Amino acid sequence: MIHQFRCNNVNIVLDVYSGAVHVVDDVVYDLIQVFDKKEKEQIIEQFKQKYDEKDIIQALEEIQALKEEELLFTEDPYEAFLPDFEKRNPVVKALCLHVAHDCNLQCKYCFAGEGEYHGERSLMSFEVGKKAIDFLIAHSGSRRNLEVDFFGGEPLMNFDVVKQVIEYARSIEKEHEKNFRFTITTNGVLLDEEKQKYINENMYNVVLSLDGRKEVNDRVRYTVNKKGSYDIIVPKFQALAESRNQEQYYVRGTFTRYNLDFAKDVLHLADLGFKQVSIEPVVAPKEAEYALQKEDLPILFEQYEELAKALIKRKKEGQGFNFFHFMIDLSQGPCVAKRLAGCGSGSEYLAVTPEGDLYPCHQFVGIPEFLMGNVEEGITNSSKQKEFQHCNVYAKKDCRNCWAKFYCSGGCAANAYQFHGNILDTYEIGCELEKKRVECAIMIQAKLLEEGFSN
């Protein structure tokens, strides 16, 4: 499978199954489109008015050489692996601990309903957190590195339990030959120097919630009394980012239909000094006034291209930063399982509520049919677990023939369920945005290499 595109005056050809990326001239670009469909003489005849015949013949020879090297028109090596992949017995490697189903903000687009997740406000007890750690160890098999994300609501509202859970996990990890890596996601309202110090000493990564420009952020991220959060949290986030040497954190925002010019928000965050930035498209019911619509896609595509060009310029000026969706490893990439099934929600990754209930991920919490068990009894809904284990790019009809399937791994199961009631479906707007992001990410690397800059 071949995918070709032009972006920022660069001709790019992607061989999907080998992962090879080629930056080519106009002749090669045009000829690749018909190379496997027509004979040599037919191709020469078709293009001889546009290109010199010698150039056409040379281009055909180059394409043939790449094909023989299995860098173009390669066959699918993954589908044959699928039966073994689906028979696998995956272990649990990560938990999202909902230590607080409560929040001190009332963000307009929040899928968790201000932290309540379709239920009542509650905080996780240490006893439940302890059992969650025990569950993870017991169901992680021989896997050594285990991930725990403290999530909410707002986890800093239950920070004592966060610390107790970490202390417990550290006290038993060596005897079980495990290594815990902790992450916390926070809106920053309760962040102070003491908490920052503890986070820096104990958290492998930190996710900081901020949407961009003050007017954009404060329109949708505000306190109970409708006061915007920007002025409260920005100085705290800047201090935390600097205290971590601008590594092992992300400022993570959401753009909505209120700010289709979201590239300005990404660049604003970079101007504030943040080197690790992620701005995600909102996923919301179509009728919501802030929800993205299909007619917005051309504008959003332009924004991604504008952002990519700005990132290249800043990189060349020594002012570069990382934008999460433009970070692609073209030399190696993820393992086969990651390519086929993505995050592993419902099988390798689970969410735990304050009461100890297990769900496939944080976005399914509170939906009765996705209750998978609890930390005491383990997974009791084995049929739901198997459903998620068989969720992969070949099980999704919209993914099988998509060139970007190994970059998004089929997209988000929760988004697919929200829009179509089926985790094997796809969220169309999300798919189109992902494809554009991948194109821009590849173009950035190609352009920087072309101009002698390492990415």
Protein backbone atom coordinates (compact mmCIF):
# COMPACT_ATOMS: atom_id res chain seq x y z
CA MET A 1 0.00 0.00 0.00
CA ILE A 2 1.31 3.41 -1.02
CA HIS A 3 0.29 6.84 0.27
CA GLN A 4 1.45 9.96 -1.56
CA PHE A 5 1.01 13.57 -0.54
CA ARG A 6 2.46 17.03 -1.07
CA CYS A 7 2.96 19.31 1.91
CA ASN A 8 5.01 22.51 2.23
CA ASN A 9 6.46 21.99 -1.27
CA VAL A 10 7.72 18.51 -0.41
CA ASN A 11 6.72 15.39 -2.41
CA ILE A 12 6.41 12.48 0.00
CA VAL A 13 5.76 8.81 -0.70
CA LEU A 14 4.99 6.48 2.20
CA ASP A 15 5.22 2.72 1.79
CA VAL A 16 2.71 1.69 4.44
CA TYR A 17 3.81 -1.86 5.24
CA SER A 18 7.56 -1.28 5.34
CA GLY A 19 7.20 2.16 6.91
CA ALA A 20 9.70 3.57 4.42
CA VAL A 21 9.34 7.28 3.65
CA HIS A 22 10.69 8.70 0.39
CA VAL A 23 11.15 12.36 -0.53
CA VAL A 24 11.05 12.40 -4.33
CA ASP A 25 11.08 14.72 -7.32
CA ASP A 26 8.02 15.40 -9.48
CA VAL A 27 8.88 12.70 -12.02
CA VAL A 28 9.13 9.88 -9.49
CA TYR A 29 6.09 11.19 -7.63
CA ASP A 30 3.90 11.05 -10.74
CA LEU A 31 5.23 7.72 -11.99
CA ILE A 32 4.70 5.91 -8.69
CA GLN A 33 0.98 6.55 -9.05
CA VAL A 34 0.80 4.30 -12.14
CA PHE A 35 3.88 2.11 -11.71
CA ASP A 36 2.06 -1.05 -10.63
CA LYS A 37 -0.91 -0.45 -12.95
CA LYS A 38 0.69 0.02 -16.37
CA GLU A 39 3.49 -1.36 -18.50
CA LYS A 40 6.73 0.59 -18.98
CA GLU A 41 5.89 1.64 -22.53
CA GLN A 42 2.46 2.86 -21.50
CA ILE A 43 3.96 4.98 -18.73
CA ILE A 44 6.51 6.53 -21.07
CA GLU A 45 3.77 7.34 -23.56
CA GLN A 46 1.58 8.88 -20.85
CA PHE A 47 4.26 11.21 -19.49
CA LYS A 48 6.54 11.97 -22.45
CA GLN A 49 4.81 15.31 -23.08
CA LYS A 50 5.48 16.36 -19.49
CA TYR A 51 8.98 14.94 -18.84
CA ASP A 52 12.06 14.06 -20.86
CA GLU A 53 12.05 10.37 -21.83
CA LYS A 54 15.48 9.81 -20.27
CA ASP A 55 14.21 11.16 -16.95
CA ILE A 56 11.17 8.89 -17.14
CA ILE A 57 13.30 5.79 -17.76
CA GLN A 58 15.69 6.72 -14.94
CA ALA A 59 12.78 7.29 -12.56
CA LEU A 60 11.26 3.91 -13.47
CA GLU A 61 14.59 2.23 -12.73
CA GLU A 62 14.78 3.95 -9.34
CA ILE A 63 11.25 2.87 -8.46
CA GLN A 64 11.98 -0.71 -9.51
CA ALA A 65 15.12 -0.77 -7.37
CA LEU A 66 13.19 0.42 -4.33
CA LYS A 67 10.55 -2.22 -4.95
CA GLU A 68 13.20 -4.96 -5.11
CA GLU A 69 14.66 -3.66 -1.84
CA GLU A 70 11.16 -3.97 -0.32
CA LEU A 71 10.95 -0.24 0.28
CA LEU A 72 8.05 0.30 -2.12
CA PHE A 73 4.92 -1.75 -2.89
CA THR A 74 5.68 -4.16 -0.06
CA GLU A 75 3.19 -6.82 0.96
CA ASP A 76 1.31 -6.78 4.24
CA PRO A 77 3.38 -8.69 6.85
CA TYR A 78 0.91 -8.15 9.68
CA GLU A 79 -2.36 -9.78 8.65
CA ALA A 80 -0.80 -13.25 8.67
CA PHE A 81 0.31 -12.58 12.24
CA LEU A 82 -3.24 -11.70 13.30
CA PRO A 83 -4.46 -15.19 14.42
CA ASP A 84 -1.56 -15.49 16.86
CA PHE A 85 -2.07 -11.91 17.99
CA GLU A 86 -5.74 -12.51 18.78
CA LYS A 87 -4.91 -15.70 20.71
CA ARG A 88 -2.52 -13.85 22.98
CA ASN A 89 -3.19 -13.66 26.67
CA PRO A 90 -2.20 -10.06 27.45
CA VAL A 91 -1.26 -9.03 30.95
CA VAL A 92 -2.32 -5.83 32.68
CA LYS A 93 0.52 -3.34 32.50
CA ALA A 94 -1.14 -0.04 33.43
CA LEU A 95 -3.87 1.36 35.65
CA CYS A 96 -5.58 4.74 35.65
CA LEU A 97 -6.43 5.35 39.31
CA HIS A 98 -9.40 7.69 39.72
CA VAL A 99 -8.38 8.93 43.13
CA ALA A 100 -10.95 11.72 42.95
CA HIS A 101 -14.38 11.74 41.34
CA ASP A 102 -14.56 15.38 42.22
CA CYS A 103 -13.08 18.55 40.76
CA ASN A 104 -12.52 22.19 41.66
CA LEU A 105 -13.12 23.30 38.06
CA GLN A 106 -16.25 23.04 35.92
CA CYS A 107 -14.77 22.69 32.44
CA LYS A 108 -17.48 23.08 29.82
CA TYR A 109 -16.42 20.13 27.65
CA CYS A 110 -15.50 17.68 30.44
CA PHE A 111 -16.48 14.11 29.53
CA ALA A 112 -16.40 13.25 33.24
CA GLY A 113 -19.26 15.63 34.11
CA GLU A 114 -17.19 17.84 36.42
CA GLY A 115 -15.45 14.76 37.81
CA GLU A 116 -18.55 12.77 38.78
CA TYR A 117 -18.48 10.22 35.92
CA HIS A 118 -22.24 9.62 35.77
CA GLY A 119 -22.33 9.06 39.53
CA GLU A 120 -21.74 10.85 42.82
CA ARG A 121 -18.70 12.78 43.93
CA SER A 122 -16.28 10.54 45.84
CA LEU A 123 -12.64 10.10 46.81
CA MET A 124 -10.63 6.88 46.66
CA SER A 125 -9.56 5.45 50.02
CA PHE A 126 -6.04 4.17 50.61
CA GLU A 127 -7.49 0.69 51.07
CA VAL A 128 -8.92 0.71 47.54
CA GLY A 129 -5.68 2.16 46.15
CA LYS A 130 -3.69 -0.55 47.93
CA LYS A 131 -5.89 -3.27 46.45
CA ALA A 132 -5.48 -1.71 43.01
CA ILE A 133 -1.69 -2.01 43.30
CA ASP A 134 -2.06 -5.63 44.48
CA PHE A 135 -4.37 -6.34 41.52
CA LEU A 136 -1.88 -4.85 39.07
CA ILE A 137 1.01 -6.90 40.43
CA ALA A 138 -1.07 -10.09 40.44
CA HIS A 139 -2.25 -9.63 36.84
CA SER A 140 0.95 -8.29 35.27
CA GLY A 141 2.59 -11.66 34.70
CA SER A 142 6.33 -11.42 34.13
CA ARG A 143 6.16 -7.80 32.98
CA ARG A 144 8.52 -5.70 35.09
CA ASN A 145 7.67 -2.08 34.24
CA LEU A 146 4.18 -1.08 35.39
CA GLU A 147 2.41 2.26 34.88
CA VAL A 148 0.03 4.01 37.27
CA ASP A 149 -1.66 7.29 36.37
CA PHE A 150 -3.32 9.29 39.14
CA PHE A 151 -6.39 10.80 37.55
CA GLY A 152 -9.67 12.50 38.33
CA GLY A 153 -11.60 14.73 38.53
CA GLU A 154 -8.69 16.44 40.18
CA PRO A 155 -6.24 14.07 41.93
CA LEU A 156 -4.64 16.83 44.01
CA MET A 157 -7.92 16.93 45.95
CA ASN A 158 -6.90 13.53 47.37
CA PHE A 159 -3.15 13.96 47.44
CA ASP A 160 -2.60 12.21 50.78
CA VAL A 161 -3.96 8.99 49.28
CA VAL A 162 -1.79 9.51 46.19
CA LYS A 163 1.27 9.60 48.45
CA GLN A 164 0.12 6.58 50.47
CA VAL A 165 -0.41 4.51 47.33
CA ILE A 166 3.04 5.42 46.00
CA GLU A 167 4.65 4.58 49.33
CA TYR A 168 2.90 1.20 49.39
CA ALA A 169 3.85 0.37 45.81
CA ARG A 170 7.49 1.26 46.44
CA SER A 171 7.53 -0.89 49.59
CA ILE A 172 6.62 -4.08 47.71
CA GLU A 173 7.90 -3.60 44.16
CA LYS A 174 11.32 -5.18 44.70
CA GLU A 175 9.99 -8.36 46.28
CA HIS A 176 7.71 -8.81 43.26
CA GLU A 177 10.45 -7.77 40.78
CA LYS A 178 8.40 -4.82 39.52
CA ASN A 179 9.23 -1.22 38.74
CA PHE A 180 6.42 1.32 39.07
CA ARG A 181 6.31 4.50 37.00
CA PHE A 182 3.81 7.05 38.22
CA THR A 183 2.09 9.87 36.33
CA ILE A 184 -0.32 12.50 37.56
CA THR A 185 -2.77 14.62 35.57
CA THR A 186 -3.72 17.92 37.21
CA ASN A 187 -5.50 21.19 36.52
CA GLY A 188 -2.98 22.90 38.81
CA VAL A 189 -5.35 24.87 41.03
CA LEU A 190 -4.09 23.17 44.21
CA LEU A 191 -0.48 22.88 43.06
CA ASP A 192 2.02 24.44 45.48
CA GLU A 193 5.76 24.17 46.18
CA GLU A 194 5.35 21.22 48.54
CA LYS A 195 3.30 19.23 46.04
CA GLN A 196 5.64 20.20 43.22
CA LYS A 197 8.61 18.88 45.18
CA TYR A 198 6.86 15.60 45.88
CA ILE A 199 5.75 15.25 42.24
CA ASN A 200 9.28 15.86 41.00
CA GLU A 201 10.67 13.25 43.36
CA ASN A 202 8.07 10.59 42.62
CA MET A 203 6.31 11.10 39.28
CA TYR A 204 7.83 9.83 36.05
CA ASN A 205 5.57 12.18 34.07
CA VAL A 206 3.14 15.02 34.72
CA VAL A 207 0.22 16.16 32.56
CA LEU A 208 -0.76 19.80 33.08
CA SER A 209 -4.17 20.89 31.82
CA LEU A 210 -4.17 24.26 30.04
CA ASP A 211 -5.93 25.14 26.77
CA GLY A 212 -3.80 28.00 25.45
CA ARG A 213 -4.49 31.73 25.29
CA LYS A 214 -6.14 33.25 28.35
CA GLU A 215 -9.41 34.07 26.60
CA VAL A 216 -9.59 30.56 25.10
CA ASN A 217 -8.75 28.75 28.33
CA ASP A 218 -11.00 30.83 30.57
CA ARG A 219 -14.02 30.46 28.30
CA VAL A 220 -14.19 26.72 29.01
CA ARG A 221 -11.96 26.03 32.05
CA TYR A 222 -13.32 27.90 35.03
CA THR A 223 -14.00 27.56 38.75
CA VAL A 224 -17.36 27.03 40.43
CA ASN A 225 -17.87 30.80 40.58
CA LYS A 226 -17.09 31.04 36.82
CA LYS A 227 -13.67 32.59 37.37
CA GLY A 228 -11.13 31.58 34.71
CA SER A 229 -8.22 29.36 35.72
CA TYR A 230 -5.47 30.81 33.47
CA ASP A 231 -4.00 33.36 35.89
CA ILE A 232 -4.12 30.85 38.75
CA ILE A 233 -2.29 28.02 37.05
CA VAL A 234 0.10 29.43 34.42
CA PRO A 235 2.80 30.63 36.89
CA LYS A 236 2.59 27.28 38.71
CA PHE A 237 2.93 25.30 35.50
CA GLN A 238 5.86 27.42 34.33
CA ALA A 239 7.64 26.81 37.63
CA LEU A 240 6.98 23.08 37.50
CA ALA A 241 8.17 22.76 33.89
CA GLU A 242 11.40 24.58 34.73
CA SER A 243 11.90 22.49 37.86
CA ARG A 244 11.76 19.37 35.66
CA ASN A 245 14.30 20.85 33.20
CA GLN A 246 11.54 21.06 30.58
CA GLU A 247 11.31 17.24 30.42
CA GLN A 248 8.96 14.46 31.58
CA TYR A 249 5.82 16.57 31.44
CA TYR A 250 3.18 17.78 29.00
CA VAL A 251 1.01 20.84 28.92
CA ARG A 252 -2.11 19.21 27.58
CA GLY A 253 -4.96 21.30 26.18
CA THR A 254 -8.16 20.84 24.22
CA PHE A 255 -9.32 22.89 21.27
CA THR A 256 -13.00 23.27 20.44
CA ARG A 257 -15.12 25.00 17.83
CA TYR A 258 -14.58 28.17 19.86
CA ASN A 259 -10.92 28.26 18.76
CA LEU A 260 -10.55 26.67 15.36
CA ASP A 261 -7.37 28.76 15.09
CA PHE A 262 -5.79 26.46 17.67
CA ALA A 263 -2.29 26.77 16.17
CA LYS A 264 -2.14 30.15 17.92
CA ASP A 265 -2.81 28.40 21.23
CA VAL A 266 0.00 25.90 20.68
CA LEU A 267 2.41 28.71 19.82
CA HIS A 268 1.18 30.72 22.79
CA LEU A 269 2.08 27.83 25.09
CA ALA A 270 5.50 27.63 23.46
CA ASP A 271 5.91 31.39 23.98
CA LEU A 272 5.15 30.87 27.67
CA GLY A 273 8.26 28.69 27.76
CA PHE A 274 6.74 25.23 27.59
CA LYS A 275 8.80 22.75 25.55
CA GLN A 276 6.38 19.82 25.74
CA VAL A 277 2.94 20.64 24.34
CA SER A 278 -0.14 18.67 23.37
CA ILE A 279 -3.37 20.26 22.16
CA GLU A 280 -6.10 17.71 21.39
CA PRO A 281 -9.35 18.11 19.42
CA VAL A 282 -12.43 18.03 21.61
CA VAL A 283 -14.64 14.96 21.27
CA ALA A 284 -18.22 15.95 22.01
CA PRO A 285 -21.80 15.21 20.93
CA LYS A 286 -22.49 16.79 17.56
CA GLU A 287 -25.22 19.01 18.99
CA ALA A 288 -22.87 20.68 21.51
CA GLU A 289 -22.09 24.25 20.44
CA TYR A 290 -18.37 23.68 21.00
CA ALA A 291 -18.24 20.35 19.09
CA LEU A 292 -16.13 20.08 15.95
CA GLN A 293 -18.07 19.53 12.73
CA LYS A 294 -17.03 17.95 9.43
CA GLU A 295 -17.23 21.33 7.70
CA ASP A 296 -14.48 22.55 10.05
CA LEU A 297 -11.93 20.07 8.68
CA PRO A 298 -10.42 22.29 5.93
CA ILE A 299 -9.74 25.02 8.50
CA LEU A 300 -8.21 22.51 10.93
CA PHE A 301 -6.03 21.02 8.19
CA GLU A 302 -4.69 24.50 7.44
CA GLN A 303 -3.99 25.01 11.14
CA TYR A 304 -1.92 21.83 11.37
CA GLU A 305 0.08 22.86 8.29
CA GLU A 306 0.58 26.37 9.69
CA LEU A 307 1.72 24.89 12.99
CA ALA A 308 4.11 22.49 11.25
CA LYS A 309 5.73 25.34 9.30
CA ALA A 310 6.04 27.43 12.46
CA LEU A 311 7.63 24.53 14.31
CA ILE A 312 10.21 24.07 11.54
CA LYS A 313 11.03 27.79 11.63
CA ARG A 314 11.45 27.80 15.41
CA LYS A 315 13.55 24.65 15.31
CA LYS A 316 15.93 26.28 12.82
CA GLU A 317 16.11 29.38 15.03
CA GLY A 318 16.98 27.31 18.09
CA GLN A 319 13.54 27.84 19.65
CA GLY A 320 12.08 24.41 18.95
CA PHE A 321 9.57 22.56 21.10
CA ASN A 322 7.83 19.21 20.98
CA PHE A 323 4.24 19.01 19.81
CA PHE A 324 2.93 15.60 20.82
CA HIS A 325 1.04 14.82 17.61
CA PHE A 326 4.04 15.64 15.43
CA MET A 327 6.37 13.24 17.25
CA ILE A 328 6.87 10.16 15.05
CA ASP A 329 9.81 7.76 15.06
CA LEU A 330 10.32 6.94 11.38
CA SER A 331 13.42 4.82 12.07
CA GLN A 332 11.74 2.23 14.26
CA GLY A 333 8.25 2.98 15.54
CA PRO A 334 6.10 0.97 17.95
CA CYS A 335 6.03 -2.81 18.34
CA VAL A 336 3.61 -4.98 16.35
CA ALA A 337 1.04 -5.20 19.17
CA LYS A 338 1.01 -1.41 19.52
CA ARG A 339 0.59 -0.97 15.76
CA LEU A 340 -2.36 -3.35 15.68
CA ALA A 341 -4.24 -2.49 18.85
CA GLY A 342 -3.01 0.84 20.20
CA CYS A 343 -3.36 1.68 23.88
CA GLY A 344 -4.58 -1.76 24.96
CA SER A 345 -7.64 -0.43 26.78
CA GLY A 346 -9.80 -3.16 28.28
CA SER A 347 -6.98 -5.69 28.26
CA GLU A 348 -3.57 -4.24 29.10
CA TYR A 349 -4.86 -0.94 30.48
CA LEU A 350 -7.74 -0.45 32.93
CA ALA A 351 -9.31 2.37 34.92
CA VAL A 352 -10.15 2.03 38.61
CA THR A 353 -12.93 4.08 40.23
CA PRO A 354 -12.81 5.37 43.83
CA GLU A 355 -14.93 2.35 44.80
CA GLY A 356 -12.52 -0.08 43.14
CA ASP A 357 -14.57 -0.90 40.04
CA LEU A 358 -12.68 -1.72 36.84
CA TYR A 359 -13.46 -0.22 33.43
CA PRO A 360 -11.65 -0.44 30.06
CA CYS A 361 -10.40 3.15 30.37
CA HIS A 362 -11.33 6.46 31.98
CA GLN A 363 -13.75 7.37 29.19
CA PHE A 364 -15.90 4.28 29.80
CA VAL A 365 -16.21 4.83 33.56
CA GLY A 366 -19.82 4.93 34.72
CA ILE A 367 -21.27 3.15 31.66
CA PRO A 368 -22.83 -0.04 33.15
CA GLU A 369 -22.17 -2.38 30.23
CA PHE A 370 -18.44 -1.65 30.46
CA LEU A 371 -18.07 -2.56 34.14
CA MET A 372 -15.42 -5.30 33.99
CA GLY A 373 -15.02 -6.25 37.64
CA ASN A 374 -13.32 -4.82 40.71
CA VAL A 375 -9.92 -4.80 42.39
CA GLU A 376 -10.94 -7.46 44.92
CA GLU A 377 -12.45 -10.08 42.61
CA GLY A 378 -10.54 -9.14 39.48
CA ILE A 379 -12.03 -9.18 35.98
CA THR A 380 -15.42 -10.88 36.07
CA ASN A 381 -16.79 -9.64 32.74
CA SER A 382 -14.54 -11.85 30.59
CA SER A 383 -16.69 -11.43 27.48
CA LYS A 384 -16.10 -7.67 27.52
CA GLN A 385 -12.39 -8.25 28.03
CA LYS A 386 -12.30 -10.56 24.99
CA GLU A 387 -14.17 -7.95 22.97
CA PHE A 388 -11.40 -5.46 23.65
CA GLN A 389 -8.66 -8.03 23.05
CA HIS A 390 -10.04 -8.54 19.54
CA CYS A 391 -10.22 -4.81 18.83
CA ASN A 392 -7.55 -4.10 16.23
CA VAL A 393 -7.06 -2.40 12.87
CA TYR A 394 -8.04 -5.52 10.93
CA ALA A 395 -11.26 -5.96 12.91
CA LYS A 396 -12.37 -2.44 11.94
CA LYS A 397 -13.73 -2.21 8.40
CA ASP A 398 -12.81 1.46 8.09
CA CYS A 399 -9.21 0.77 9.11
CA ARG A 400 -8.26 -2.24 7.01
CA ASN A 401 -7.51 -0.24 3.89
CA CYS A 402 -6.45 3.01 5.55
CA TRP A 403 -2.86 4.10 5.00
CA ALA A 404 -2.60 5.60 8.51
CA LYS A 405 -3.76 2.53 10.45
CA PHE A 406 -0.36 1.73 11.95
CA TYR A 407 0.07 5.29 13.23
CA CYS A 408 -3.26 5.58 15.06
CA SER A 409 -3.75 1.82 15.64
CA GLY A 410 -7.44 2.14 14.87
CA GLY A 411 -8.10 5.24 16.91
CA CYS A 412 -9.88 5.55 20.24
CA ALA A 413 -12.39 2.81 21.12
CA ALA A 414 -14.23 5.17 23.47
CA ASN A 415 -14.72 7.76 20.73
CA ALA A 416 -16.00 5.08 18.37
CA TYR A 417 -18.48 3.90 20.99
CA GLN A 418 -19.62 7.45 21.78
CA PHE A 419 -20.50 8.17 18.16
CA HIS A 420 -21.59 4.76 16.87
CA GLY A 421 -22.24 2.54 19.89
CA ASN A 422 -19.57 0.09 18.76
CA ILE A 423 -15.88 -0.04 19.68
CA LEU A 424 -15.10 -1.59 16.28
CA ASP A 425 -16.29 1.48 14.45
CA THR A 426 -14.38 4.73 13.94
CA TYR A 427 -14.85 8.41 14.75
CA GLU A 428 -14.61 10.04 11.33
CA ILE A 429 -13.50 13.54 12.35
CA GLY A 430 -10.81 12.04 14.56
CA CYS A 431 -9.60 9.86 11.68
CA GLU A 432 -9.27 12.77 9.28
CA LEU A 433 -7.39 14.89 11.82
CA GLU A 434 -5.05 12.02 12.65
CA LYS A 435 -4.18 11.52 8.99
CA LYS A 436 -3.39 15.20 8.59
CA ARG A 437 -1.22 15.21 11.72
CA VAL A 438 0.77 12.22 10.46
CA GLU A 439 1.35 13.89 7.10
CA CYS A 440 2.58 17.06 8.81
CA ALA A 441 4.80 15.07 11.18
CA ILE A 442 6.47 13.25 8.28
CA MET A 443 6.87 16.49 6.35
CA ILE A 444 8.58 18.17 9.33
CA GLN A 445 11.21 15.45 9.53
CA ALA A 446 11.73 15.45 5.77
CA LYS A 447 12.08 19.24 5.61
CA LEU A 448 14.51 19.45 8.53
CA LEU A 449 16.71 16.69 7.12
CA GLU A 450 16.60 18.32 3.69
CA GLU A 451 17.88 21.56 5.19
CA GLY A 452 20.53 19.91 7.35
CA PHE A 453 18.79 20.03 10.75
CA SER A 454 18.29 17.01 12.99
CA ASN A 455 14.72 16.60 14.24
